[in-house]
């Protein structure tokens, strides 16, 4: 299992670059969703479908799962074809952002390949967690195309009181 570096985005240049990237990607989805809306003749009622379709078109579709066990959010995300060095996980107290980028350079000899789907692959997904997490303790590992992220949840005041009793 390959360990994936988890970055914390909460202050300084790292946070600014991170949030600028989130804003840029959000705007791209917003623009594409509006194009889909216009292509449908501006008929209301399918806003969510337009938004989700735009996200899938721009960032790919990944099978994901979020579970909670003993106060730890456990995420599983399929990332077939990526190595740990291609994957970046960023954590804030309220969300986890996964970005995977690989540049596939396949040499082909002219006249032999009729078509190919090999090429660059860019995946970007942002996941909000139901309750705040400790961004300093988030861990991530990639094995056989499955990214596993553990994010300890910050205990609620009631839970802290129950533990103290």
Protein backbone atom coordinates (compact mmCIF):
# COMPACT_ATOMS: atom_id res chain seq x y z
CA UNK A 1 0.00 0.00 0.00
CA UNK A 2 1.50 3.36 -1.05
CA UNK A 3 1.17 6.28 1.30
CA UNK A 4 -0.27 9.45 -0.23
CA UNK A 5 0.78 12.82 1.14
CA UNK A 6 -2.04 14.77 2.76
CA UNK A 7 -1.78 18.54 2.71
CA UNK A 8 -3.51 20.81 5.17
CA UNK A 9 -4.94 23.99 3.67
CA UNK A 10 -5.58 26.43 6.46
CA UNK A 11 -3.15 29.32 6.21
CA UNK A 12 -0.52 31.05 4.08
CA UNK A 13 0.33 30.59 0.42
CA UNK A 14 -0.73 26.94 0.43
CA UNK A 15 -4.27 27.88 1.45
CA UNK A 16 -4.50 30.73 -1.05
CA UNK A 17 -3.42 28.54 -3.97
CA UNK A 18 -5.74 25.76 -2.84
CA UNK A 19 -8.81 27.99 -2.57
CA UNK A 20 -8.01 29.71 -5.88
CA UNK A 21 -7.96 26.27 -7.54
CA UNK A 22 -11.27 25.33 -5.90
CA UNK A 23 -12.83 28.61 -7.11
CA UNK A 24 -11.48 28.12 -10.65
CA UNK A 25 -12.87 24.59 -10.85
CA UNK A 26 -16.20 25.66 -9.35
CA UNK A 27 -16.51 28.36 -12.01
CA UNK A 28 -15.76 25.83 -14.76
CA UNK A 29 -18.57 23.56 -13.53
CA UNK A 30 -20.91 26.54 -13.17
CA UNK A 31 -20.19 27.61 -16.75
CA UNK A 32 -20.71 24.11 -18.15
CA UNK A 33 -23.93 23.58 -16.16
CA UNK A 34 -25.28 26.85 -17.57
CA UNK A 35 -24.37 25.72 -21.11
CA UNK A 36 -26.34 22.51 -20.52
CA UNK A 37 -29.27 24.58 -19.24
CA UNK A 38 -29.15 26.76 -22.36
CA UNK A 39 -28.90 23.71 -24.64
CA UNK A 40 -32.12 22.40 -23.07
CA UNK A 41 -33.91 25.60 -24.05
CA UNK A 42 -33.57 27.24 -20.62
CA UNK A 43 -36.29 25.04 -19.15
CA UNK A 44 -36.15 25.05 -15.32
CA UNK A 45 -36.34 21.98 -13.12
CA UNK A 46 -33.15 20.10 -13.96
CA UNK A 47 -30.59 22.30 -12.22
CA UNK A 48 -29.10 19.50 -10.12
CA UNK A 49 -28.88 17.13 -13.09
CA UNK A 50 -27.13 19.84 -15.15
CA UNK A 51 -24.66 20.48 -12.32
CA UNK A 52 -23.85 16.80 -11.78
CA UNK A 53 -23.46 16.18 -15.49
CA UNK A 54 -21.08 19.14 -15.75
CA UNK A 55 -19.01 17.77 -12.85
CA UNK A 56 -18.80 14.32 -14.46
CA UNK A 57 -17.80 15.80 -17.82
CA UNK A 58 -15.09 18.01 -16.35
CA UNK A 59 -13.72 15.86 -13.55
CA UNK A 60 -14.60 12.30 -14.38
CA UNK A 61 -16.79 9.95 -12.41
CA UNK A 62 -15.32 8.08 -9.48
CA UNK A 63 -16.96 5.44 -7.36
CA UNK A 64 -16.79 6.73 -3.78
CA UNK A 65 -17.93 5.71 -0.34
CA UNK A 66 -17.96 7.52 3.01
CA UNK A 67 -18.42 5.60 6.23
CA UNK A 68 -17.83 6.40 9.89
CA UNK A 69 -16.30 4.01 12.39
CA UNK A 70 -15.27 4.88 15.94
CA UNK A 71 -15.22 8.62 15.26
CA UNK A 72 -13.19 8.33 12.05
CA UNK A 73 -14.56 9.08 8.60
CA UNK A 74 -13.35 6.41 6.20
CA UNK A 75 -13.43 7.26 2.51
CA UNK A 76 -12.78 4.95 -0.38
CA UNK A 77 -12.34 6.37 -3.87
CA UNK A 78 -11.54 4.45 -7.04
CA UNK A 79 -8.53 5.84 -8.89
CA UNK A 80 -7.59 3.18 -11.45
CA UNK A 81 -4.39 3.82 -13.36
CA UNK A 82 -2.93 6.32 -10.90
CA UNK A 83 0.20 5.96 -8.79
CA UNK A 84 0.52 7.50 -5.32
CA UNK A 85 2.83 10.17 -6.75
CA UNK A 86 0.00 11.28 -9.07
CA UNK A 87 -2.48 11.81 -6.22
CA UNK A 88 -2.86 14.87 -4.01
CA UNK A 89 -5.17 14.95 -1.00
CA UNK A 90 -5.89 18.24 0.74
CA UNK A 91 -7.79 18.45 4.03
CA UNK A 92 -9.55 21.33 5.73
CA UNK A 93 -11.71 21.04 8.85
CA UNK A 94 -14.84 20.73 6.68
CA UNK A 95 -13.76 19.02 3.46
CA UNK A 96 -11.38 16.69 1.68
CA UNK A 97 -10.23 17.44 -1.85
CA UNK A 98 -8.74 14.74 -4.04
CA UNK A 99 -6.85 15.58 -7.18
CA UNK A 100 -5.15 13.03 -9.39
CA UNK A 101 -3.29 13.95 -12.51
CA UNK A 102 -1.22 11.82 -14.83
CA UNK A 103 0.33 12.51 -18.19
CA UNK A 104 0.23 9.35 -20.26
CA UNK A 105 2.70 9.51 -23.08
CA UNK A 106 2.23 6.60 -25.40
CA UNK A 107 4.46 6.36 -28.40
CA UNK A 108 2.69 5.24 -31.51
CA UNK A 109 4.01 4.59 -34.95
CA UNK A 110 2.12 6.34 -37.69
CA UNK A 111 -0.34 4.09 -39.46
CA UNK A 112 -0.57 1.36 -36.80
CA UNK A 113 -2.99 2.79 -34.23
CA UNK A 114 -6.52 3.44 -35.51
CA UNK A 115 -7.66 5.20 -32.31
CA UNK A 116 -6.63 5.46 -28.67
CA UNK A 117 -8.09 6.57 -25.37
CA UNK A 118 -4.69 6.71 -23.70
CA UNK A 119 -3.70 10.19 -22.68
CA UNK A 120 -3.70 12.60 -19.82
CA UNK A 121 -6.11 12.04 -17.01
CA UNK A 122 -7.20 14.71 -14.53
CA UNK A 123 -9.51 13.92 -11.64
CA UNK A 124 -10.75 16.48 -9.15
CA UNK A 125 -13.32 15.82 -6.43
CA UNK A 126 -14.29 17.82 -3.36
CA UNK A 127 -16.07 16.08 -0.50
CA UNK A 128 -17.71 17.91 2.38
CA UNK A 129 -17.74 15.93 5.61
CA UNK A 130 -20.83 15.93 7.86
CA UNK A 131 -18.90 17.11 10.95
CA UNK A 132 -15.53 18.87 11.37
CA UNK A 133 -12.38 16.76 11.09
CA UNK A 134 -8.87 17.08 12.47
CA UNK A 135 -7.05 18.02 9.25
CA UNK A 136 -3.64 17.38 10.88
CA UNK A 137 -4.44 13.69 11.40
CA UNK A 138 -5.91 12.81 7.99
CA UNK A 139 -4.09 9.92 6.30
CA UNK A 140 -4.36 8.49 2.80
CA UNK A 141 -3.10 5.33 1.09
CA UNK A 142 -3.46 4.08 -2.48
CA UNK A 143 -3.48 0.38 -3.26
CA UNK A 144 -4.59 -1.36 -6.44
CA UNK A 145 -6.42 1.72 -7.69
CA UNK A 146 -8.33 2.29 -4.43
CA UNK A 147 -7.60 5.42 -2.39
CA UNK A 148 -8.39 5.02 1.31
CA UNK A 149 -8.62 8.14 3.44
CA UNK A 150 -9.05 8.20 7.21
CA UNK A 151 -10.17 11.51 8.71
CA UNK A 152 -10.67 11.64 12.50
CA UNK A 153 -13.80 13.55 13.39
CA UNK A 154 -13.52 16.27 16.00
CA UNK A 155 -15.59 15.15 18.97
CA UNK A 156 -18.74 17.11 19.73
CA UNK A 157 -19.05 18.64 23.24
CA UNK A 158 -21.62 15.98 24.26
CA UNK A 159 -19.23 13.20 23.21
CA UNK A 160 -16.37 14.79 25.15
CA UNK A 161 -18.55 14.97 28.26
CA UNK A 162 -19.56 11.32 27.87
CA UNK A 163 -15.92 10.23 27.54
CA UNK A 164 -14.97 12.21 30.67
CA UNK A 165 -17.73 10.57 32.72
